[in-house]
Amino acid sequence: MARQAVHTHPRSFRRRTPPTNPLRTVIYNVTKSAVGVIVYRRVGNRYIEKRVNVRVEHINHSRSREEFIRRVKENAARKKEAKESGKSVQLKRQPVMPRDSTTVEMTDIESIAPIPYDTHI
């Protein structure tokens, strides 16, 4: 069976154990109403494997691959379009560059003085 990230959040499981990272959970068994999940739980300086059965209502798919799949389809379309037009296209993601500098114009300067504290109630 393929390894698949899955988010689990049954209330009874949450009471007994701390929240787990969904990337450290693997589905190992599927039945009609429940899913067997292997949870790698940190205990001290090591991870132990716990097998937990979780109802299907408490399982939802990880959305981490959605952006990747969208990018793959978009890149394929851009590559096909570039091949038809004979141009080269940049398909790699670029890091976010720093914002451009701006100059703040100070035409009207206003002096602000603190209000004295009133000790009478």
PDB file of N, CA and C in Angstrom:
ATOM      1  N   MET A   1       0.848  -1.176   0.000  1.00  0.00           N
ATOM      2  CA  MET A   1       0.000   0.000   0.000  1.00  0.00           C
ATOM      3  C   MET A   1       0.893   1.239   0.000  1.00  0.00           C
ATOM      4  N   ALA A   2       0.514   2.238  -0.756  1.00  0.00           N
ATOM      5  CA  ALA A   2       1.332   3.443  -0.880  1.00  0.00           C
ATOM      6  C   ALA A   2       1.253   4.279   0.390  1.00  0.00           C
ATOM      7  N   ARG A   3       2.375   4.945   0.692  1.00  0.00           N
ATOM      8  CA  ARG A   3       2.396   5.833   1.851  1.00  0.00           C
ATOM      9  C   ARG A   3       1.632   7.080   1.483  1.00  0.00           C
ATOM     10  N   GLN A   4       0.786   7.534   2.385  1.00  0.00           N
ATOM     11  CA  GLN A   4      -0.032   8.701   2.093  1.00  0.00           C
ATOM     12  C   GLN A   4      -0.173   9.521   3.360  1.00  0.00           C
ATOM     13  N   ALA A   5       0.085  10.818   3.243  1.00  0.00           N
ATOM     14  CA  ALA A   5      -0.094  11.698   4.396  1.00  0.00           C
ATOM     15  C   ALA A   5      -1.580  11.871   4.637  1.00  0.00           C
ATOM     16  N   VAL A   6      -1.970  11.851   5.892  1.00  0.00           N
ATOM     17  CA  VAL A   6      -3.384  11.978   6.225  1.00  0.00           C
ATOM     18  C   VAL A   6      -3.500  12.746   7.536  1.00  0.00           C
ATOM     19  N   HIS A   7      -4.528  13.551   7.646  1.00  0.00           N
ATOM     20  CA  HIS A   7      -4.773  14.301   8.873  1.00  0.00           C
ATOM     21  C   HIS A   7      -5.797  13.540   9.702  1.00  0.00           C
ATOM     22  N   THR A   8      -5.479  13.294  10.959  1.00  0.00           N
ATOM     23  CA  THR A   8      -6.423  12.611  11.834  1.00  0.00           C
ATOM     24  C   THR A   8      -6.700  13.489  13.046  1.00  0.00           C
ATOM     25  N   HIS A   9      -7.938  13.509  13.470  1.00  0.00           N
ATOM     26  CA  HIS A   9      -8.255  14.317  14.643  1.00  0.00           C
ATOM     27  C   HIS A   9      -9.444  13.777  15.421  1.00  0.00           C
ATOM     28  N   PRO A  10      -9.446  12.494  15.787  1.00  0.00           N
ATOM     29  CA  PRO A  10     -10.526  12.031  16.636  1.00  0.00           C
ATOM     30  C   PRO A  10     -10.371  12.582  18.048  1.00  0.00           C
ATOM     31  N   ARG A  11     -11.481  12.962  18.648  1.00  0.00           N
ATOM     32  CA  ARG A  11     -11.438  13.612  19.950  1.00  0.00           C
ATOM     33  C   ARG A  11     -10.845  12.687  21.034  1.00  0.00           C
ATOM     34  N   SER A  12     -11.223  11.421  21.022  1.00  0.00           N
ATOM     35  CA  SER A  12     -10.715  10.520  22.053  1.00  0.00           C
ATOM     36  C   SER A  12      -9.207  10.330  21.913  1.00  0.00           C
ATOM     37  N   PHE A  13      -8.719  10.304  20.699  1.00  0.00           N
ATOM     38  CA  PHE A  13      -7.283  10.159  20.479  1.00  0.00           C
ATOM     39  C   PHE A  13      -6.548  11.407  20.936  1.00  0.00           C
ATOM     40  N   ARG A  14      -7.157  12.573  20.719  1.00  0.00           N
ATOM     41  CA  ARG A  14      -6.524  13.831  21.098  1.00  0.00           C
ATOM     42  C   ARG A  14      -6.387  13.947  22.609  1.00  0.00           C
ATOM     43  N   ARG A  15      -7.340  13.387  23.344  1.00  0.00           N
ATOM     44  CA  ARG A  15      -7.264  13.484  24.799  1.00  0.00           C
ATOM     45  C   ARG A  15      -6.092  12.688  25.354  1.00  0.00           C
ATOM     46  N   ARG A  16      -5.790  11.548  24.723  1.00  0.00           N
ATOM     47  CA  ARG A  16      -4.744  10.675  25.242  1.00  0.00           C
ATOM     48  C   ARG A  16      -3.349  11.074  24.793  1.00  0.00           C
ATOM     49  N   THR A  17      -3.215  11.600  23.581  1.00  0.00           N
ATOM     50  CA  THR A  17      -1.893  11.872  23.042  1.00  0.00           C
ATOM     51  C   THR A  17      -1.829  13.297  22.508  1.00  0.00           C
ATOM     52  N   PRO A  18      -0.645  13.875  22.466  1.00  0.00           N
ATOM     53  CA  PRO A  18      -0.513  15.214  21.908  1.00  0.00           C
ATOM     54  C   PRO A  18      -0.742  15.201  20.405  1.00  0.00           C
ATOM     55  N   PRO A  19      -0.983  16.366  19.792  1.00  0.00           N
ATOM     56  CA  PRO A  19      -1.204  16.400  18.341  1.00  0.00           C
ATOM     57  C   PRO A  19      -0.004  15.826  17.595  1.00  0.00           C
ATOM     58  N   THR A  20      -0.270  15.148  16.492  1.00  0.00           N
ATOM     59  CA  THR A  20       0.787  14.522  15.722  1.00  0.00           C
ATOM     60  C   THR A  20       0.943  15.241  14.399  1.00  0.00           C
ATOM     61  N   ASN A  21       2.133  15.168  13.865  1.00  0.00           N
ATOM     62  CA  ASN A  21       2.400  15.747  12.561  1.00  0.00           C
ATOM     63  C   ASN A  21       1.787  14.835  11.501  1.00  0.00           C
ATOM     64  N   PRO A  22       0.955  15.367  10.585  1.00  0.00           N
ATOM     65  CA  PRO A  22       0.333  14.501   9.578  1.00  0.00           C
ATOM     66  C   PRO A  22       1.344  13.846   8.649  1.00  0.00           C
ATOM     67  N   LEU A  23       2.545  14.413   8.525  1.00  0.00           N
ATOM     68  CA  LEU A  23       3.550  13.786   7.678  1.00  0.00           C
ATOM     69  C   LEU A  23       4.136  12.548   8.335  1.00  0.00           C
ATOM     70  N   ARG A  24       3.877  12.353   9.617  1.00  0.00           N
ATOM     71  CA  ARG A  24       4.376  11.175  10.321  1.00  0.00           C
ATOM     72  C   ARG A  24       3.266  10.148  10.529  1.00  0.00           C
ATOM     73  N   THR A  25       2.198  10.233   9.753  1.00  0.00           N
ATOM     74  CA  THR A  25       1.120   9.257   9.855  1.00  0.00           C
ATOM     75  C   THR A  25       0.996   8.531   8.530  1.00  0.00           C
ATOM     76  N   VAL A  26       0.748   7.224   8.607  1.00  0.00           N
ATOM     77  CA  VAL A  26       0.641   6.392   7.415  1.00  0.00           C
ATOM     78  C   VAL A  26      -0.577   5.496   7.563  1.00  0.00           C
ATOM     79  N   ILE A  27      -1.365   5.387   6.501  1.00  0.00           N
ATOM     80  CA  ILE A  27      -2.502   4.472   6.510  1.00  0.00           C
ATOM     81  C   ILE A  27      -1.987   3.062   6.226  1.00  0.00           C
ATOM     82  N   TYR A  28      -2.367   2.111   7.087  1.00  0.00           N
ATOM     83  CA  TYR A  28      -1.916   0.743   6.864  1.00  0.00           C
ATOM     84  C   TYR A  28      -3.070  -0.228   6.659  1.00  0.00           C
ATOM     85  N   ASN A  29      -4.295   0.165   6.981  1.00  0.00           N
ATOM     86  CA  ASN A  29      -5.430  -0.741   6.842  1.00  0.00           C
ATOM     87  C   ASN A  29      -6.680   0.078   6.568  1.00  0.00           C
ATOM     88  N   VAL A  30      -7.509  -0.398   5.647  1.00  0.00           N
ATOM     89  CA  VAL A  30      -8.747   0.301   5.313  1.00  0.00           C
ATOM     90  C   VAL A  30      -9.893  -0.692   5.408  1.00  0.00           C
ATOM     91  N   THR A  31     -10.917  -0.336   6.184  1.00  0.00           N
ATOM     92  CA  THR A  31     -12.143  -1.124   6.240  1.00  0.00           C
ATOM     93  C   THR A  31     -13.284  -0.237   5.780  1.00  0.00           C
ATOM     94  N   LYS A  32     -14.522  -0.754   5.815  1.00  0.00           N
ATOM     95  CA  LYS A  32     -15.638   0.024   5.286  1.00  0.00           C
ATOM     96  C   LYS A  32     -15.974   1.227   6.162  1.00  0.00           C
ATOM     97  N   SER A  33     -15.698   1.181   7.461  1.00  0.00           N
ATOM     98  CA  SER A  33     -16.080   2.297   8.326  1.00  0.00           C
ATOM     99  C   SER A  33     -14.920   2.921   9.080  1.00  0.00           C
ATOM    100  N   ALA A  34     -13.721   2.354   8.964  1.00  0.00           N
ATOM    101  CA  ALA A  34     -12.582   2.878   9.724  1.00  0.00           C
ATOM    102  C   ALA A  34     -11.297   2.722   8.915  1.00  0.00           C
ATOM    103  N   VAL A  35     -10.279   3.409   9.387  1.00  0.00           N
ATOM    104  CA  VAL A  35      -8.972   3.373   8.742  1.00  0.00           C
ATOM    105  C   VAL A  35      -7.934   3.119   9.819  1.00  0.00           C
ATOM    106  N   GLY A  36      -7.016   2.199   9.549  1.00  0.00           N
ATOM    107  CA  GLY A  36      -5.905   1.963  10.459  1.00  0.00           C
ATOM    108  C   GLY A  36      -4.783   2.919  10.129  1.00  0.00           C
ATOM    109  N   VAL A  37      -4.308   3.649  11.112  1.00  0.00           N
ATOM    110  CA  VAL A  37      -3.280   4.659  10.897  1.00  0.00           C
ATOM    111  C   VAL A  37      -2.088   4.356  11.792  1.00  0.00           C
ATOM    112  N   ILE A  38      -0.884   4.410  11.212  1.00  0.00           N
ATOM    113  CA  ILE A  38       0.338   4.300  12.000  1.00  0.00           C
ATOM    114  C   ILE A  38       0.768   5.716  12.337  1.00  0.00           C
ATOM    115  N   VAL A  39       0.890   5.999  13.626  1.00  0.00           N
ATOM    116  CA  VAL A  39       1.292   7.321  14.088  1.00  0.00           C
ATOM    117  C   VAL A  39       2.672   7.187  14.711  1.00  0.00           C
ATOM    118  N   TYR A  40       3.608   7.991  14.231  1.00  0.00           N
ATOM    119  CA  TYR A  40       4.949   8.003  14.809  1.00  0.00           C
ATOM    120  C   TYR A  40       4.970   9.081  15.875  1.00  0.00           C
ATOM    121  N   ARG A  41       4.996   8.652  17.128  1.00  0.00           N
ATOM    122  CA  ARG A  41       4.863   9.555  18.247  1.00  0.00           C
ATOM    123  C   ARG A  41       6.212   9.748  18.918  1.00  0.00           C
ATOM    124  N   ARG A  42       6.540  10.987  19.222  1.00  0.00           N
ATOM    125  CA  ARG A  42       7.831  11.271  19.853  1.00  0.00           C
ATOM    126  C   ARG A  42       7.737  10.979  21.342  1.00  0.00           C
ATOM    127  N   VAL A  43       8.617  10.130  21.829  1.00  0.00           N
ATOM    128  CA  VAL A  43       8.701   9.799  23.243  1.00  0.00           C
ATOM    129  C   VAL A  43      10.154   9.962  23.641  1.00  0.00           C
ATOM    130  N   GLY A  44      10.440  11.012  24.394  1.00  0.00           N
ATOM    131  CA  GLY A  44      11.813  11.284  24.773  1.00  0.00           C
ATOM    132  C   GLY A  44      12.626  11.686  23.560  1.00  0.00           C
ATOM    133  N   ASN A  45      13.671  10.898  23.254  1.00  0.00           N
ATOM    134  CA  ASN A  45      14.529  11.224  22.126  1.00  0.00           C
ATOM    135  C   ASN A  45      14.307  10.305  20.942  1.00  0.00           C
ATOM    136  N   ARG A  46      13.206   9.543  20.917  1.00  0.00           N
ATOM    137  CA  ARG A  46      12.972   8.612  19.821  1.00  0.00           C
ATOM    138  C   ARG A  46      11.501   8.676  19.405  1.00  0.00           C
ATOM    139  N   TYR A  47      11.180   8.069  18.292  1.00  0.00           N
ATOM    140  CA  TYR A  47       9.811   7.984  17.810  1.00  0.00           C
ATOM    141  C   TYR A  47       9.361   6.541  17.927  1.00  0.00           C
ATOM    142  N   ILE A  48       8.178   6.346  18.504  1.00  0.00           N
ATOM    143  CA  ILE A  48       7.621   5.001  18.557  1.00  0.00           C
ATOM    144  C   ILE A  48       6.413   4.947  17.642  1.00  0.00           C
ATOM    145  N   GLU A  49       6.140   3.741  17.164  1.00  0.00           N
ATOM    146  CA  GLU A  49       5.051   3.542  16.223  1.00  0.00           C
ATOM    147  C   GLU A  49       3.811   3.099  16.983  1.00  0.00           C
ATOM    148  N   LYS A  50       2.715   3.848  16.814  1.00  0.00           N
ATOM    149  CA  LYS A  50       1.457   3.448  17.437  1.00  0.00           C
ATOM    150  C   LYS A  50       0.453   3.195  16.327  1.00  0.00           C
ATOM    151  N   ARG A  51      -0.300   2.141  16.460  1.00  0.00           N
ATOM    152  CA  ARG A  51      -1.332   1.825  15.473  1.00  0.00           C
ATOM    153  C   ARG A  51      -2.676   2.198  16.070  1.00  0.00           C
ATOM    154  N   VAL A  52      -3.382   3.063  15.354  1.00  0.00           N
ATOM    155  CA  VAL A  52      -4.649   3.594  15.846  1.00  0.00           C
ATOM    156  C   VAL A  52      -5.701   3.370  14.773  1.00  0.00           C
ATOM    157  N   ASN A  53      -6.879   2.917  15.170  1.00  0.00           N
ATOM    158  CA  ASN A  53      -7.997   2.801  14.250  1.00  0.00           C
ATOM    159  C   ASN A  53      -8.870   4.033  14.388  1.00  0.00           C
ATOM    160  N   VAL A  54      -9.112   4.690  13.264  1.00  0.00           N
ATOM    161  CA  VAL A  54      -9.835   5.959  13.254  1.00  0.00           C
ATOM    162  C   VAL A  54     -11.016   5.828  12.315  1.00  0.00           C
ATOM    163  N   ARG A  55     -12.172   6.354  12.731  1.00  0.00           N
ATOM    164  CA  ARG A  55     -13.349   6.312  11.868  1.00  0.00           C
ATOM    165  C   ARG A  55     -13.143   7.189  10.646  1.00  0.00           C
ATOM    166  N   VAL A  56     -13.817   6.844   9.560  1.00  0.00           N
ATOM    167  CA  VAL A  56     -13.650   7.535   8.291  1.00  0.00           C
ATOM    168  C   VAL A  56     -14.052   9.004   8.395  1.00  0.00           C
ATOM    169  N   GLU A  57     -15.007   9.333   9.254  1.00  0.00           N
ATOM    170  CA  GLU A  57     -15.477  10.718   9.375  1.00  0.00           C
ATOM    171  C   GLU A  57     -14.371  11.650   9.853  1.00  0.00           C
ATOM    172  N   HIS A  58     -13.373  11.119  10.554  1.00  0.00           N
ATOM    173  CA  HIS A  58     -12.315  11.942  11.120  1.00  0.00           C
ATOM    174  C   HIS A  58     -11.087  12.062  10.213  1.00  0.00           C
ATOM    175  N   ILE A  59     -11.169  11.499   9.022  1.00  0.00           N
ATOM    176  CA  ILE A  59     -10.032  11.524   8.100  1.00  0.00           C
ATOM    177  C   ILE A  59     -10.307  12.541   7.005  1.00  0.00           C
ATOM    178  N   ASN A  60      -9.309  13.369   6.704  1.00  0.00           N
ATOM    179  CA  ASN A  60      -9.394  14.199   5.506  1.00  0.00           C
ATOM    180  C   ASN A  60      -8.040  14.207   4.830  1.00  0.00           C
ATOM    181  N   HIS A  61      -8.039  14.315   3.513  1.00  0.00           N
ATOM    182  CA  HIS A  61      -6.811  14.237   2.734  1.00  0.00           C
ATOM    183  C   HIS A  61      -5.909  15.423   3.018  1.00  0.00           C
ATOM    184  N   SER A  62      -4.634  15.177   2.925  1.00  0.00           N
ATOM    185  CA  SER A  62      -3.652  16.242   3.035  1.00  0.00           C
ATOM    186  C   SER A  62      -3.731  17.096   1.776  1.00  0.00           C
ATOM    187  N   ARG A  63      -3.681  18.425   1.959  1.00  0.00           N
ATOM    188  CA  ARG A  63      -3.782  19.327   0.817  1.00  0.00           C
ATOM    189  C   ARG A  63      -2.404  19.810   0.363  1.00  0.00           C
ATOM    190  N   SER A  64      -1.344  19.143   0.842  1.00  0.00           N
ATOM    191  CA  SER A  64       0.003  19.620   0.540  1.00  0.00           C
ATOM    192  C   SER A  64       0.372  19.422  -0.926  1.00  0.00           C
ATOM    193  N   ARG A  65      -0.228  18.449  -1.593  1.00  0.00           N
ATOM    194  CA  ARG A  65       0.135  18.181  -2.985  1.00  0.00           C
ATOM    195  C   ARG A  65      -0.686  18.992  -3.979  1.00  0.00           C
ATOM    196  N   GLU A  66      -1.758  19.630  -3.551  1.00  0.00           N
ATOM    197  CA  GLU A  66      -2.624  20.356  -4.482  1.00  0.00           C
ATOM    198  C   GLU A  66      -1.865  21.446  -5.227  1.00  0.00           C
ATOM    199  N   GLU A  67      -1.073  22.217  -4.506  1.00  0.00           N
ATOM    200  CA  GLU A  67      -0.326  23.303  -5.144  1.00  0.00           C
ATOM    201  C   GLU A  67       0.705  22.733  -6.107  1.00  0.00           C
ATOM    202  N   PHE A  68       1.331  21.621  -5.760  1.00  0.00           N
ATOM    203  CA  PHE A  68       2.321  20.980  -6.621  1.00  0.00           C
ATOM    204  C   PHE A  68       1.666  20.485  -7.912  1.00  0.00           C
ATOM    205  N   ILE A  69       0.545  19.825  -7.805  1.00  0.00           N
ATOM    206  CA  ILE A  69      -0.149  19.299  -8.983  1.00  0.00           C
ATOM    207  C   ILE A  69      -0.615  20.440  -9.881  1.00  0.00           C
ATOM    208  N   ARG A  70      -1.095  21.526  -9.282  1.00  0.00           N
ATOM    209  CA  ARG A  70      -1.519  22.690 -10.062  1.00  0.00           C
ATOM    210  C   ARG A  70      -0.329  23.267 -10.829  1.00  0.00           C
ATOM    211  N   ARG A  71       0.838  23.335 -10.172  1.00  0.00           N
ATOM    212  CA  ARG A  71       2.029  23.868 -10.811  1.00  0.00           C
ATOM    213  C   ARG A  71       2.510  22.976 -11.953  1.00  0.00           C
ATOM    214  N   VAL A  72       2.418  21.649 -11.784  1.00  0.00           N
ATOM    215  CA  VAL A  72       2.835  20.716 -12.827  1.00  0.00           C
ATOM    216  C   VAL A  72       1.980  20.917 -14.076  1.00  0.00           C
ATOM    217  N   LYS A  73       0.658  21.029 -13.896  1.00  0.00           N
ATOM    218  CA  LYS A  73      -0.235  21.228 -15.038  1.00  0.00           C
ATOM    219  C   LYS A  73       0.027  22.574 -15.702  1.00  0.00           C
ATOM    220  N   GLU A  74       0.225  23.595 -14.907  1.00  0.00           N
ATOM    221  CA  GLU A  74       0.486  24.930 -15.442  1.00  0.00           C
ATOM    222  C   GLU A  74       1.810  24.950 -16.206  1.00  0.00           C
ATOM    223  N   ASN A  75       2.848  24.298 -15.677  1.00  0.00           N
ATOM    224  CA  ASN A  75       4.140  24.241 -16.349  1.00  0.00           C
ATOM    225  C   ASN A  75       4.053  23.473 -17.664  1.00  0.00           C
ATOM    226  N   ALA A  76       3.275  22.390 -17.687  1.00  0.00           N
ATOM    227  CA  ALA A  76       3.126  21.618 -18.924  1.00  0.00           C
ATOM    228  C   ALA A  76       2.458  22.468 -19.999  1.00  0.00           C
ATOM    229  N   ALA A  77       1.449  23.241 -19.608  1.00  0.00           N
ATOM    230  CA  ALA A  77       0.770  24.109 -20.575  1.00  0.00           C
ATOM    231  C   ALA A  77       1.715  25.205 -21.074  1.00  0.00           C
ATOM    232  N   ARG A  78       2.492  25.796 -20.156  1.00  0.00           N
ATOM    233  CA  ARG A  78       3.433  26.847 -20.552  1.00  0.00           C
ATOM    234  C   ARG A  78       4.536  26.298 -21.445  1.00  0.00           C
ATOM    235  N   LYS A  79       5.014  25.073 -21.147  1.00  0.00           N
ATOM    236  CA  LYS A  79       6.059  24.455 -21.962  1.00  0.00           C
ATOM    237  C   LYS A  79       5.554  24.155 -23.369  1.00  0.00           C
ATOM    238  N   LYS A  80       4.319  23.655 -23.465  1.00  0.00           N
ATOM    239  CA  LYS A  80       3.724  23.349 -24.765  1.00  0.00           C
ATOM    240  C   LYS A  80       3.556  24.621 -25.585  1.00  0.00           C
ATOM    241  N   GLU A  81       3.080  25.678 -24.936  1.00  0.00           N
ATOM    242  CA  GLU A  81       2.885  26.957 -25.616  1.00  0.00           C
ATOM    243  C   GLU A  81       4.228  27.536 -26.078  1.00  0.00           C
ATOM    244  N   ALA A  82       5.273  27.418 -25.252  1.00  0.00           N
ATOM    245  CA  ALA A  82       6.589  27.929 -25.609  1.00  0.00           C
ATOM    246  C   ALA A  82       7.200  27.127 -26.751  1.00  0.00           C
ATOM    247  N   LYS A  83       6.943  25.825 -26.770  1.00  0.00           N
ATOM    248  CA  LYS A  83       7.485  24.980 -27.840  1.00  0.00           C
ATOM    249  C   LYS A  83       6.852  25.334 -29.175  1.00  0.00           C
ATOM    250  N   GLU A  84       5.545  25.629 -29.162  1.00  0.00           N
ATOM    251  CA  GLU A  84       4.847  26.010 -30.392  1.00  0.00           C
ATOM    252  C   GLU A  84       5.354  27.348 -30.919  1.00  0.00           C
ATOM    253  N   SER A  85       5.611  28.297 -30.005  1.00  0.00           N
ATOM    254  CA  SER A  85       6.058  29.623 -30.435  1.00  0.00           C
ATOM    255  C   SER A  85       7.573  29.695 -30.618  1.00  0.00           C
ATOM    256  N   GLY A  86       8.314  28.686 -30.184  1.00  0.00           N
ATOM    257  CA  GLY A  86       9.758  28.666 -30.370  1.00  0.00           C
ATOM    258  C   GLY A  86      10.522  29.511 -29.374  1.00  0.00           C
ATOM    259  N   LYS A  87       9.922  29.839 -28.255  1.00  0.00           N
ATOM    260  CA  LYS A  87      10.578  30.646 -27.224  1.00  0.00           C
ATOM    261  C   LYS A  87      11.001  29.753 -26.066  1.00  0.00           C
ATOM    262  N   SER A  88      11.940  30.269 -25.247  1.00  0.00           N
ATOM    263  CA  SER A  88      12.296  29.554 -24.025  1.00  0.00           C
ATOM    264  C   SER A  88      11.513  30.186 -22.870  1.00  0.00           C
ATOM    265  N   VAL A  89      11.133  29.360 -21.926  1.00  0.00           N
ATOM    266  CA  VAL A  89      10.315  29.846 -20.813  1.00  0.00           C
ATOM    267  C   VAL A  89      10.930  29.363 -19.508  1.00  0.00           C
ATOM    268  N   GLN A  90      10.855  30.190 -18.479  1.00  0.00           N
ATOM    269  CA  GLN A  90      11.360  29.867 -17.144  1.00  0.00           C
ATOM    270  C   GLN A  90      10.259  29.145 -16.368  1.00  0.00           C
ATOM    271  N   LEU A  91      10.484  27.876 -16.015  1.00  0.00           N
ATOM    272  CA  LEU A  91       9.469  27.084 -15.320  1.00  0.00           C
ATOM    273  C   LEU A  91       9.764  26.928 -13.841  1.00  0.00           C
ATOM    274  N   LYS A  92      10.995  27.227 -13.417  1.00  0.00           N
ATOM    275  CA  LYS A  92      11.335  27.051 -12.008  1.00  0.00           C
ATOM    276  C   LYS A  92      10.725  28.152 -11.166  1.00  0.00           C
ATOM    277  N   ARG A  93      10.420  27.815  -9.948  1.00  0.00           N
ATOM    278  CA  ARG A  93       9.910  28.830  -9.020  1.00  0.00           C
ATOM    279  C   ARG A  93      11.027  29.782  -8.655  1.00  0.00           C
ATOM    280  N   GLN A  94      10.695  31.048  -8.542  1.00  0.00           N
ATOM    281  CA  GLN A  94      11.665  32.061  -8.176  1.00  0.00           C
ATOM    282  C   GLN A  94      11.397  32.497  -6.742  1.00  0.00           C
ATOM    283  N   PRO A  95      12.444  32.740  -5.951  1.00  0.00           N
ATOM    284  CA  PRO A  95      12.207  33.222  -4.588  1.00  0.00           C
ATOM    285  C   PRO A  95      11.602  34.621  -4.619  1.00  0.00           C
ATOM    286  N   VAL A  96      10.873  34.957  -3.582  1.00  0.00           N
ATOM    287  CA  VAL A  96      10.260  36.272  -3.490  1.00  0.00           C
ATOM    288  C   VAL A  96      11.366  37.288  -3.266  1.00  0.00           C
ATOM    289  N   MET A  97      11.432  38.251  -4.157  1.00  0.00           N
ATOM    290  CA  MET A  97      12.480  39.255  -4.075  1.00  0.00           C
ATOM    291  C   MET A  97      12.074  40.341  -3.080  1.00  0.00           C
ATOM    292  N   PRO A  98      13.057  41.117  -2.565  1.00  0.00           N
ATOM    293  CA  PRO A  98      12.714  42.201  -1.653  1.00  0.00           C
ATOM    294  C   PRO A  98      11.869  43.258  -2.371  1.00  0.00           C
ATOM    295  N   ARG A  99      11.043  43.926  -1.614  1.00  0.00           N
ATOM    296  CA  ARG A  99      10.200  44.968  -2.199  1.00  0.00           C
ATOM    297  C   ARG A  99      11.056  46.158  -2.626  1.00  0.00           C
ATOM    298  N   ASP A 100      10.559  46.910  -3.604  1.00  0.00           N
ATOM    299  CA  ASP A 100      11.262  48.100  -4.048  1.00  0.00           C
ATOM    300  C   ASP A 100      11.235  49.154  -2.954  1.00  0.00           C
ATOM    301  N   SER A 101      12.283  49.984  -2.948  1.00  0.00           N
ATOM    302  CA  SER A 101      12.351  51.033  -1.932  1.00  0.00           C
ATOM    303  C   SER A 101      11.398  52.168  -2.290  1.00  0.00           C
ATOM    304  N   THR A 102      10.890  52.832  -1.278  1.00  0.00           N
ATOM    305  CA  THR A 102      10.014  53.985  -1.470  1.00  0.00           C
ATOM    306  C   THR A 102      10.528  55.127  -0.612  1.00  0.00           C
ATOM    307  N   THR A 103      10.224  56.336  -1.041  1.00  0.00           N
ATOM    308  CA  THR A 103      10.600  57.533  -0.299  1.00  0.00           C
ATOM    309  C   THR A 103       9.345  58.165   0.248  1.00  0.00           C
ATOM    310  N   VAL A 104       9.351  58.469   1.525  1.00  0.00           N
ATOM    311  CA  VAL A 104       8.204  59.096   2.172  1.00  0.00           C
ATOM    312  C   VAL A 104       8.441  60.600   2.176  1.00  0.00           C
ATOM    313  N   GLU A 105       7.512  61.333   1.595  1.00  0.00           N
ATOM    314  CA  GLU A 105       7.621  62.792   1.542  1.00  0.00           C
ATOM    315  C   GLU A 105       7.078  63.378   2.839  1.00  0.00           C
ATOM    316  N   MET A 106       7.863  64.240   3.480  1.00  0.00           N
ATOM    317  CA  MET A 106       7.448  64.905   4.716  1.00  0.00           C
ATOM    318  C   MET A 106       7.195  66.377   4.408  1.00  0.00           C
ATOM    319  N   THR A 107       5.990  66.716   3.999  1.00  0.00           N
ATOM    320  CA  THR A 107       5.680  68.116   3.674  1.00  0.00           C
ATOM    321  C   THR A 107       5.131  68.846   4.883  1.00  0.00           C
ATOM    322  N   ASP A 108       4.262  68.192   5.627  1.00  0.00           N
ATOM    323  CA  ASP A 108       3.646  68.838   6.787  1.00  0.00           C
ATOM    324  C   ASP A 108       4.045  68.068   8.037  1.00  0.00           C
ATOM    325  N   ILE A 109       4.854  68.687   8.915  1.00  0.00           N
ATOM    326  CA  ILE A 109       5.316  68.035  10.134  1.00  0.00           C
ATOM    327  C   ILE A 109       4.444  68.498  11.283  1.00  0.00           C
ATOM    328  N   GLU A 110       3.923  67.530  12.034  1.00  0.00           N
ATOM    329  CA  GLU A 110       3.045  67.833  13.171  1.00  0.00           C
ATOM    330  C   GLU A 110       3.742  67.373  14.445  1.00  0.00           C
ATOM    331  N   SER A 111       3.859  68.300  15.408  1.00  0.00           N
ATOM    332  CA  SER A 111       4.467  67.953  16.688  1.00  0.00           C
ATOM    333  C   SER A 111       3.393  67.415  17.617  1.00  0.00           C
ATOM    334  N   ILE A 112       3.718  66.330  18.275  1.00  0.00           N
ATOM    335  CA  ILE A 112       2.770  65.703  19.187  1.00  0.00           C
ATOM    336  C   ILE A 112       3.393  65.723  20.577  1.00  0.00           C
ATOM    337  N   ALA A 113       2.624  66.237  21.546  1.00  0.00           N
ATOM    338  CA  ALA A 113       3.093  66.290  22.931  1.00  0.00           C
ATOM    339  C   ALA A 113       2.223  65.356  23.764  1.00  0.00           C
ATOM    340  N   PRO A 114       2.795  64.690  24.752  1.00  0.00           N
ATOM    341  CA  PRO A 114       1.993  63.796  25.588  1.00  0.00           C
ATOM    342  C   PRO A 114       1.015  64.584  26.466  1.00  0.00           C
ATOM    343  N   ILE A 115      -0.123  63.956  26.742  1.00  0.00           N
ATOM    344  CA  ILE A 115      -1.106  64.566  27.619  1.00  0.00           C
ATOM    345  C   ILE A 115      -0.656  64.302  29.052  1.00  0.00           C
ATOM    346  N   PRO A 116      -0.637  65.331  29.905  1.00  0.00           N
ATOM    347  CA  PRO A 116      -0.207  65.094  31.295  1.00  0.00           C
ATOM    348  C   PRO A 116      -1.171  64.150  32.006  1.00  0.00           C
ATOM    349  N   TYR A 117      -0.599  63.281  32.843  1.00  0.00           N
ATOM    350  CA  TYR A 117      -1.397  62.303  33.574  1.00  0.00           C
ATOM    351  C   TYR A 117      -2.151  62.979  34.708  1.00  0.00           C
ATOM    352  N   ASP A 118      -3.462  62.708  34.778  1.00  0.00           N
ATOM    353  CA  ASP A 118      -4.309  63.316  35.810  1.00  0.00           C
ATOM    354  C   ASP A 118      -4.395  62.344  36.971  1.00  0.00           C
ATOM    355  N   THR A 119      -3.909  62.735  38.158  1.00  0.00           N
ATOM    356  CA  THR A 119      -3.917  61.840  39.307  1.00  0.00           C
ATOM    357  C   THR A 119      -5.225  61.901  40.100  1.00  0.00           C
ATOM    358  N   HIS A 120      -6.081  62.902  39.834  1.00  0.00           N
ATOM    359  CA  HIS A 120      -7.367  62.999  40.536  1.00  0.00           C
ATOM    360  C   HIS A 120      -8.382  62.101  39.869  1.00  0.00           C
ATOM    361  N   ILE A 121      -9.133  61.400  40.712  1.00  0.00           N
ATOM    362  CA  ILE A 121     -10.138  60.485  40.165  1.00  0.00           C
ATOM    363  C   ILE A 121     -11.500  61.106  40.270  1.00  0.00           C
TER     364      ILE A 121
END
